[in-house]
Amino acid sequence: MALLQTETDLRFLGADGTPLAGTLTMPASDGEVPGLLLIQGSGPTDRDGNQRPHLVPDLLRNLAGMLARFGIASLRCDKRGMGAVAGSLPTNPAALVDFARWDHFVEDARLALAALAAQEGVDGRRVGLLGHSEGGLIALDLAAGGTASPAMMILVATPGRPIATVLRDQLGRLGRRQGAPEAVLAGLLDENDRILAGLAAGEGYPAVISPGLAGLYPAYLLRYWQGFAARDPAALAARCPCPVLVLAGGADLQVSAERDVPALEAGLAGRAATGATRHRVSLIAGASHNLTSVAAPDDPGHAGPLHPDVQPALAGWFRENGWI
């Protein structure tokens, strides 16, 4: 394994010419190395995988360090309009709706992957995608769309069911933890199902959204939600033409190891027509949504080092694919 690494700031243009910025991590090497684009999860998550000040698992930063020790380069980026490129965020409400649409995040990932492949010291034939949670769905959407040809994909804590189904589970669990009456909660969950069904069909927000749901659907995220709601991760997985590792935490409180992982595996197993049938599922018992160790069943695992089983799971996958 490589023992040294360097980190540099990388600037490039994303979808519609929007400036993007990221951290390129390069291992010490005398030759060209493979590389992975690291794509963070939903919300205002920074390039390191954090939502400061309350959620600081450093997931992508920790993964970048681990990859460098394997001799693998990585690029992790700020989302459009955030972090080092916050100045590009439109102030006009209509422009902001278009800026934040789902397709732009997918195109940003394509251009970031190309930027990584073009770096000196990176083997452009061996670059791939590692997506966490929503980032895994962006990776699947990119690969299934045929506009990029990643050499491999790693799906970390990635939903295997449409977001309407996943969100129903999440909201139900949250409502019960907060003591919401079942009748009230059932009405709220049904309302959310209707909202997402309409968005998936290309409709706008309903005229009235209950206060308990309104925070999920701000005006500027309309185009984002329309794209997100219309995606079926398992169907995208069935069209993915590269080897795929599904890396999941058995104690994940956001994505279900019992329901999402089998859905992804079923999609991947049906890829005989693509010729890319190689996939592996690594389920890490006691690991959270952020791949940290949990102390109790209700511990969200928002901080701490990576679970000790992450390194051997990744090492085995990279050896299987000839990357280390």
Protein backbone atom coordinates (compact mmCIF):
# COMPACT_ATOMS: atom_id res chain seq x y z
CA MET A 1 0.00 0.00 0.00
CA ALA A 2 1.11 3.57 -0.67
CA LEU A 3 2.14 5.43 2.48
CA LEU A 4 2.22 9.04 1.26
CA GLN A 5 -0.34 11.26 -0.42
CA THR A 6 -0.75 14.81 -1.68
CA GLU A 7 -3.91 16.91 -1.81
CA THR A 8 -4.48 19.77 -4.22
CA ASP A 9 -7.42 22.00 -5.07
CA LEU A 10 -8.92 21.31 -8.48
CA ARG A 11 -11.15 23.74 -10.38
CA PHE A 12 -13.23 22.92 -13.46
CA LEU A 13 -16.60 23.67 -15.05
CA GLY A 14 -19.75 21.68 -14.44
CA ALA A 15 -23.14 21.58 -16.13
CA ASP A 16 -24.18 24.83 -17.87
CA GLY A 17 -20.66 26.22 -17.27
CA THR A 18 -21.07 26.41 -13.49
CA PRO A 19 -17.71 26.52 -11.67
CA LEU A 20 -16.93 23.51 -9.49
CA ALA A 21 -14.14 22.90 -6.99
CA GLY A 22 -12.79 19.82 -5.31
CA THR A 23 -9.89 18.12 -3.59
CA LEU A 24 -7.69 15.82 -5.66
CA THR A 25 -5.94 13.24 -3.48
CA MET A 26 -2.99 11.49 -5.12
CA PRO A 27 -1.04 8.61 -3.64
CA ALA A 28 2.72 8.43 -3.93
CA SER A 29 3.48 6.41 -7.06
CA ASP A 30 6.03 6.11 -9.83
CA GLY A 31 3.36 5.30 -12.42
CA GLU A 32 -0.26 5.97 -13.26
CA VAL A 33 -2.85 4.99 -10.66
CA PRO A 34 -6.60 4.29 -10.82
CA GLY A 35 -8.99 6.90 -9.45
CA LEU A 36 -12.47 7.29 -7.98
CA LEU A 37 -14.85 10.24 -7.98
CA LEU A 38 -16.46 10.47 -4.54
CA ILE A 39 -20.07 11.77 -4.60
CA GLN A 40 -21.64 12.87 -1.32
CA GLY A 41 -25.18 12.34 -0.08
CA SER A 42 -28.20 14.63 0.03
CA GLY A 43 -28.60 18.06 1.58
CA PRO A 44 -25.94 20.72 2.19
CA THR A 45 -23.17 18.13 2.42
CA ASP A 46 -19.65 19.39 1.77
CA ARG A 47 -16.82 17.74 -0.14
CA ASP A 48 -15.68 15.86 2.98
CA GLY A 49 -19.14 14.38 3.60
CA ASN A 50 -20.13 16.74 6.44
CA GLN A 51 -23.04 19.01 7.30
CA ARG A 52 -21.41 21.27 9.85
CA PRO A 53 -21.71 21.92 12.71
CA HIS A 54 -23.91 19.00 13.75
CA LEU A 55 -23.05 16.19 11.33
CA VAL A 56 -19.29 15.65 10.92
CA PRO A 57 -18.52 12.01 10.03
CA ASP A 58 -15.77 13.05 7.56
CA LEU A 59 -16.85 10.06 5.47
CA LEU A 60 -15.43 11.16 2.12
CA ARG A 61 -12.25 12.59 3.63
CA ASN A 62 -11.65 9.31 5.47
CA LEU A 63 -12.37 7.28 2.34
CA ALA A 64 -9.97 9.44 0.31
CA GLY A 65 -7.20 8.73 2.82
CA MET A 66 -7.93 5.01 2.74
CA LEU A 67 -7.93 4.97 -1.06
CA ALA A 68 -4.58 6.77 -1.14
CA ARG A 69 -3.12 4.12 1.13
CA PHE A 70 -4.33 1.55 -1.41
CA GLY A 71 -2.58 3.52 -4.16
CA ILE A 72 -5.82 4.92 -5.61
CA ALA A 73 -6.43 8.59 -6.44
CA SER A 74 -9.71 10.33 -5.65
CA LEU A 75 -11.59 13.54 -6.30
CA ARG A 76 -14.23 14.88 -3.91
CA CYS A 77 -16.08 18.08 -4.78
CA ASP A 78 -18.27 20.77 -3.31
CA LYS A 79 -21.80 20.67 -4.64
CA ARG A 80 -22.73 23.34 -7.16
CA GLY A 81 -23.33 26.66 -5.44
CA MET A 82 -21.75 25.53 -2.16
CA GLY A 83 -18.42 25.79 -0.36
CA ALA A 84 -15.65 27.24 -2.50
CA VAL A 85 -18.10 27.95 -5.33
CA ALA A 86 -20.91 29.47 -3.25
CA GLY A 87 -20.62 32.68 -5.26
CA SER A 88 -22.12 30.94 -8.29
CA LEU A 89 -25.46 30.35 -6.58
CA PRO A 90 -28.15 32.35 -8.45
CA THR A 91 -30.11 34.95 -6.55
CA ASN A 92 -32.99 35.00 -9.02
CA PRO A 93 -35.65 32.47 -7.84
CA ALA A 94 -36.44 31.16 -11.33
CA ALA A 95 -32.76 30.75 -12.16
CA LEU A 96 -32.21 28.93 -8.87
CA VAL A 97 -34.90 26.35 -9.69
CA ASP A 98 -33.10 25.50 -12.94
CA PHE A 99 -29.66 25.61 -11.29
CA ALA A 100 -30.62 22.96 -8.72
CA ARG A 101 -32.29 20.48 -11.05
CA TRP A 102 -31.42 16.79 -10.77
CA ASP A 103 -29.92 16.50 -14.26
CA HIS A 104 -27.38 19.18 -13.42
CA PHE A 105 -26.02 17.15 -10.50
CA VAL A 106 -25.67 14.11 -12.76
CA GLU A 107 -23.90 16.17 -15.44
CA ASP A 108 -21.62 17.70 -12.80
CA ALA A 109 -20.59 14.15 -11.86
CA ARG A 110 -19.85 13.30 -15.50
CA LEU A 111 -17.62 16.33 -15.90
CA ALA A 112 -15.91 15.72 -12.56
CA LEU A 113 -15.16 12.14 -13.62
CA ALA A 114 -13.65 13.47 -16.85
CA ALA A 115 -11.59 16.00 -14.89
CA LEU A 116 -10.23 13.21 -12.68
CA ALA A 117 -9.40 11.03 -15.69
CA ALA A 118 -7.44 13.90 -17.25
CA GLN A 119 -5.13 14.45 -14.28
CA GLU A 120 -1.45 13.70 -14.63
CA GLY A 121 -0.65 10.48 -12.84
CA VAL A 122 -4.19 9.08 -13.16
CA ASP A 123 -4.84 6.15 -15.49
CA GLY A 124 -7.79 7.44 -17.51
CA ARG A 125 -8.82 3.88 -18.38
CA ARG A 126 -9.31 3.04 -14.69
CA VAL A 127 -11.53 5.73 -13.22
CA GLY A 128 -14.78 4.99 -11.46
CA LEU A 129 -17.50 6.27 -9.16
CA LEU A 130 -18.09 5.97 -5.43
CA GLY A 131 -21.43 7.40 -4.36
CA HIS A 132 -22.77 7.70 -0.84
CA SER A 133 -26.54 7.54 -0.28
CA GLU A 134 -28.10 9.95 -2.81
CA GLY A 135 -24.64 10.16 -4.39
CA GLY A 136 -24.95 6.49 -5.23
CA LEU A 137 -28.16 7.18 -7.13
CA ILE A 138 -26.41 9.99 -9.04
CA ALA A 139 -23.64 7.51 -9.90
CA LEU A 140 -26.19 4.93 -11.08
CA ASP A 141 -28.05 7.51 -13.15
CA LEU A 142 -24.81 8.62 -14.80
CA ALA A 143 -23.63 5.10 -15.62
CA ALA A 144 -27.04 3.89 -16.82
CA GLY A 145 -27.44 6.94 -19.06
CA GLY A 146 -24.47 5.95 -21.20
CA THR A 147 -22.81 9.39 -21.22
CA ALA A 148 -19.86 8.13 -19.17
CA SER A 149 -18.02 4.81 -18.97
CA PRO A 150 -16.82 4.29 -15.39
CA ALA A 151 -14.49 1.33 -14.94
CA MET A 152 -16.25 0.41 -11.70
CA MET A 153 -18.81 1.69 -9.24
CA ILE A 154 -19.06 1.51 -5.45
CA LEU A 155 -22.48 2.18 -3.96
CA VAL A 156 -22.21 3.13 -0.29
CA ALA A 157 -25.43 3.14 1.78
CA THR A 158 -27.39 3.67 -1.43
CA PRO A 159 -31.18 3.23 -1.62
CA GLY A 160 -32.36 0.38 -3.81
CA ARG A 161 -36.01 1.46 -3.82
CA PRO A 162 -37.55 4.67 -5.21
CA ILE A 163 -37.22 7.65 -2.88
CA ALA A 164 -40.98 7.73 -2.18
CA THR A 165 -40.74 4.30 -0.55
CA VAL A 166 -37.53 5.07 1.32
CA LEU A 167 -38.84 8.42 2.55
CA ARG A 168 -42.07 6.82 3.76
CA ASP A 169 -39.98 4.52 5.97
CA GLN A 170 -37.84 7.41 7.22
CA LEU A 171 -40.75 9.73 7.97
CA GLY A 172 -42.70 6.95 9.64
CA ARG A 173 -39.78 6.10 11.92
CA LEU A 174 -39.21 9.78 12.76
CA GLY A 175 -42.91 10.42 13.46
CA ARG A 176 -43.22 7.44 15.78
CA ARG A 177 -40.07 8.45 17.63
CA GLN A 178 -41.60 11.89 18.15
CA GLY A 179 -44.83 10.37 19.44
CA ALA A 180 -47.13 11.31 16.54
CA PRO A 181 -50.55 9.60 16.71
CA GLU A 182 -50.80 6.82 14.13
CA ALA A 183 -53.86 8.34 12.43
CA VAL A 184 -52.11 11.70 12.00
CA LEU A 185 -48.91 10.03 10.81
CA ALA A 186 -50.77 7.86 8.29
CA GLY A 187 -52.38 10.93 6.74
CA LEU A 188 -49.03 12.70 6.50
CA LEU A 189 -47.34 9.69 4.88
CA ASP A 190 -50.14 9.33 2.34
CA GLU A 191 -49.88 13.02 1.52
CA ASN A 192 -46.14 12.68 0.96
CA ASP A 193 -46.73 9.69 -1.33
CA ARG A 194 -49.10 11.81 -3.42
CA ILE A 195 -46.64 14.70 -3.61
CA LEU A 196 -43.82 12.47 -4.83
CA ALA A 197 -46.05 10.62 -7.30
CA GLY A 198 -46.99 13.94 -8.84
CA LEU A 199 -43.38 15.12 -8.96
CA ALA A 200 -42.27 11.86 -10.57
CA ALA A 201 -44.91 12.46 -13.26
CA GLY A 202 -43.48 15.93 -13.93
CA GLU A 203 -46.12 17.86 -12.02
CA GLY A 204 -45.45 20.79 -9.71
CA TYR A 205 -45.97 21.03 -5.98
CA PRO A 206 -49.56 20.92 -4.75
CA ALA A 207 -51.09 24.27 -3.81
CA VAL A 208 -51.08 23.33 -0.12
CA ILE A 209 -48.52 21.19 1.71
CA SER A 210 -48.92 20.29 5.38
CA PRO A 211 -46.52 22.11 7.72
CA GLY A 212 -44.94 18.79 8.69
CA LEU A 213 -43.82 18.24 5.10
CA ALA A 214 -43.34 21.76 3.74
CA GLY A 215 -39.68 21.92 4.77
CA LEU A 216 -38.87 19.03 2.43
CA TYR A 217 -40.17 20.84 -0.62
CA PRO A 218 -38.84 24.40 -0.93
CA ALA A 219 -39.67 26.16 -4.18
CA TYR A 220 -36.10 26.13 -5.50
CA LEU A 221 -35.86 22.31 -5.32
CA LEU A 222 -38.82 21.62 -7.62
CA ARG A 223 -36.74 20.45 -10.61
CA TYR A 224 -34.45 18.50 -8.31
CA TRP A 225 -37.35 16.62 -6.74
CA GLN A 226 -38.96 15.92 -10.12
CA GLY A 227 -35.81 14.13 -11.25
CA PHE A 228 -35.09 12.41 -7.94
CA ALA A 229 -38.66 11.11 -7.53
CA ALA A 230 -38.69 9.64 -11.05
CA ARG A 231 -35.59 7.47 -10.54
CA ASP A 232 -35.78 3.77 -9.67
CA PRO A 233 -32.37 2.68 -8.35
CA ALA A 234 -32.87 -1.03 -9.05
CA ALA A 235 -33.89 -0.32 -12.66
CA LEU A 236 -30.82 1.89 -13.10
CA ALA A 237 -28.62 -0.82 -11.58
CA ALA A 238 -29.93 -3.27 -14.17
CA ARG A 239 -28.56 -0.97 -16.90
CA CYS A 240 -25.17 -0.29 -15.32
CA PRO A 241 -22.42 -1.64 -17.61
CA CYS A 242 -19.54 -1.87 -15.10
CA PRO A 243 -18.57 -3.97 -12.08
CA VAL A 244 -20.40 -2.79 -8.94
CA LEU A 245 -19.72 -3.15 -5.22
CA VAL A 246 -22.66 -2.54 -2.89
CA LEU A 247 -21.23 -1.52 0.50
CA ALA A 248 -23.87 -1.20 3.21
CA GLY A 249 -24.11 -0.85 6.97
CA GLY A 250 -26.16 -3.40 8.83
CA ALA A 251 -27.11 -0.74 11.39
CA ASP A 252 -28.04 1.96 8.85
CA LEU A 253 -31.07 3.91 10.12
CA GLN A 254 -31.70 5.72 6.80
CA VAL A 255 -31.29 3.04 4.12
CA SER A 256 -32.57 -0.44 4.90
CA ALA A 257 -30.13 -3.32 4.78
CA GLU A 258 -33.13 -5.67 4.63
CA ARG A 259 -35.00 -3.94 1.81
CA ASP A 260 -32.71 -1.64 -0.17
CA VAL A 261 -29.69 -3.90 -0.49
CA PRO A 262 -31.69 -6.85 -1.94
CA ALA A 263 -33.39 -4.48 -4.40
CA LEU A 264 -30.03 -3.27 -5.70
CA GLU A 265 -28.67 -6.80 -5.84
CA ALA A 266 -31.69 -7.98 -7.84
CA GLY A 267 -31.14 -5.21 -10.37
CA LEU A 268 -27.45 -5.98 -10.67
CA ALA A 269 -28.03 -9.71 -10.97
CA GLY A 270 -30.23 -9.16 -14.02
CA ARG A 271 -27.51 -7.56 -16.14
CA ALA A 272 -26.69 -10.58 -18.29
CA ALA A 273 -27.51 -8.63 -21.46
CA THR A 274 -24.79 -6.05 -20.69
CA GLY A 275 -22.06 -8.62 -20.12
CA ALA A 276 -21.12 -6.78 -16.91
CA THR A 277 -22.39 -9.35 -14.47
CA ARG A 278 -19.69 -8.93 -11.82
CA HIS A 279 -20.98 -7.46 -8.59
CA ARG A 280 -20.46 -7.99 -4.90
CA VAL A 281 -22.46 -7.09 -1.79
CA SER A 282 -20.57 -6.32 1.43
CA LEU A 283 -22.90 -5.86 4.40
CA ILE A 284 -21.00 -4.61 7.44
CA ALA A 285 -22.71 -5.57 10.68
CA GLY A 286 -22.73 -2.78 13.24
CA ALA A 287 -21.96 -0.04 10.69
CA SER A 288 -24.05 3.11 10.31
CA HIS A 289 -25.22 5.07 7.27
CA ASN A 290 -21.82 6.78 7.36
CA LEU A 291 -19.92 3.49 7.79
CA THR A 292 -18.96 4.28 11.38
CA SER A 293 -19.38 1.81 14.25
CA VAL A 294 -22.56 2.19 16.28
CA ALA A 295 -22.79 1.85 20.05
CA ALA A 296 -26.48 0.92 20.23
CA PRO A 297 -29.39 0.06 17.86
CA ASP A 298 -30.62 3.68 17.84
CA ASP A 299 -27.16 5.24 17.45
CA PRO A 300 -27.13 7.14 14.11
CA GLY A 301 -23.34 6.88 13.85
CA HIS A 302 -22.82 10.50 12.87
CA ALA A 303 -19.16 10.63 13.92
CA GLY A 304 -16.10 8.49 14.49
CA PRO A 305 -13.62 6.54 12.37
CA LEU A 306 -14.66 4.16 9.65
CA HIS A 307 -15.81 0.75 10.83
CA PRO A 308 -12.78 -1.61 10.84
CA ASP A 309 -14.46 -3.94 8.32
CA VAL A 310 -14.61 -1.22 5.64
CA GLN A 311 -10.93 -1.52 4.72
CA PRO A 312 -10.90 -5.29 4.07
CA ALA A 313 -14.18 -5.06 2.13
CA LEU A 314 -12.74 -2.42 -0.19
CA ALA A 315 -9.36 -4.11 -0.43
CA GLY A 316 -10.96 -7.36 -1.53
CA TRP A 317 -13.00 -5.59 -4.20
CA PHE A 318 -10.00 -3.69 -5.58
CA ARG A 319 -7.91 -6.85 -5.72
CA GLU A 320 -10.70 -8.67 -7.52
CA ASN A 321 -10.70 -5.93 -10.16
CA GLY A 322 -6.91 -5.64 -10.43
CA TRP A 323 -6.68 -2.15 -8.94
CA ILE A 324 -4.29 -3.09 -6.11
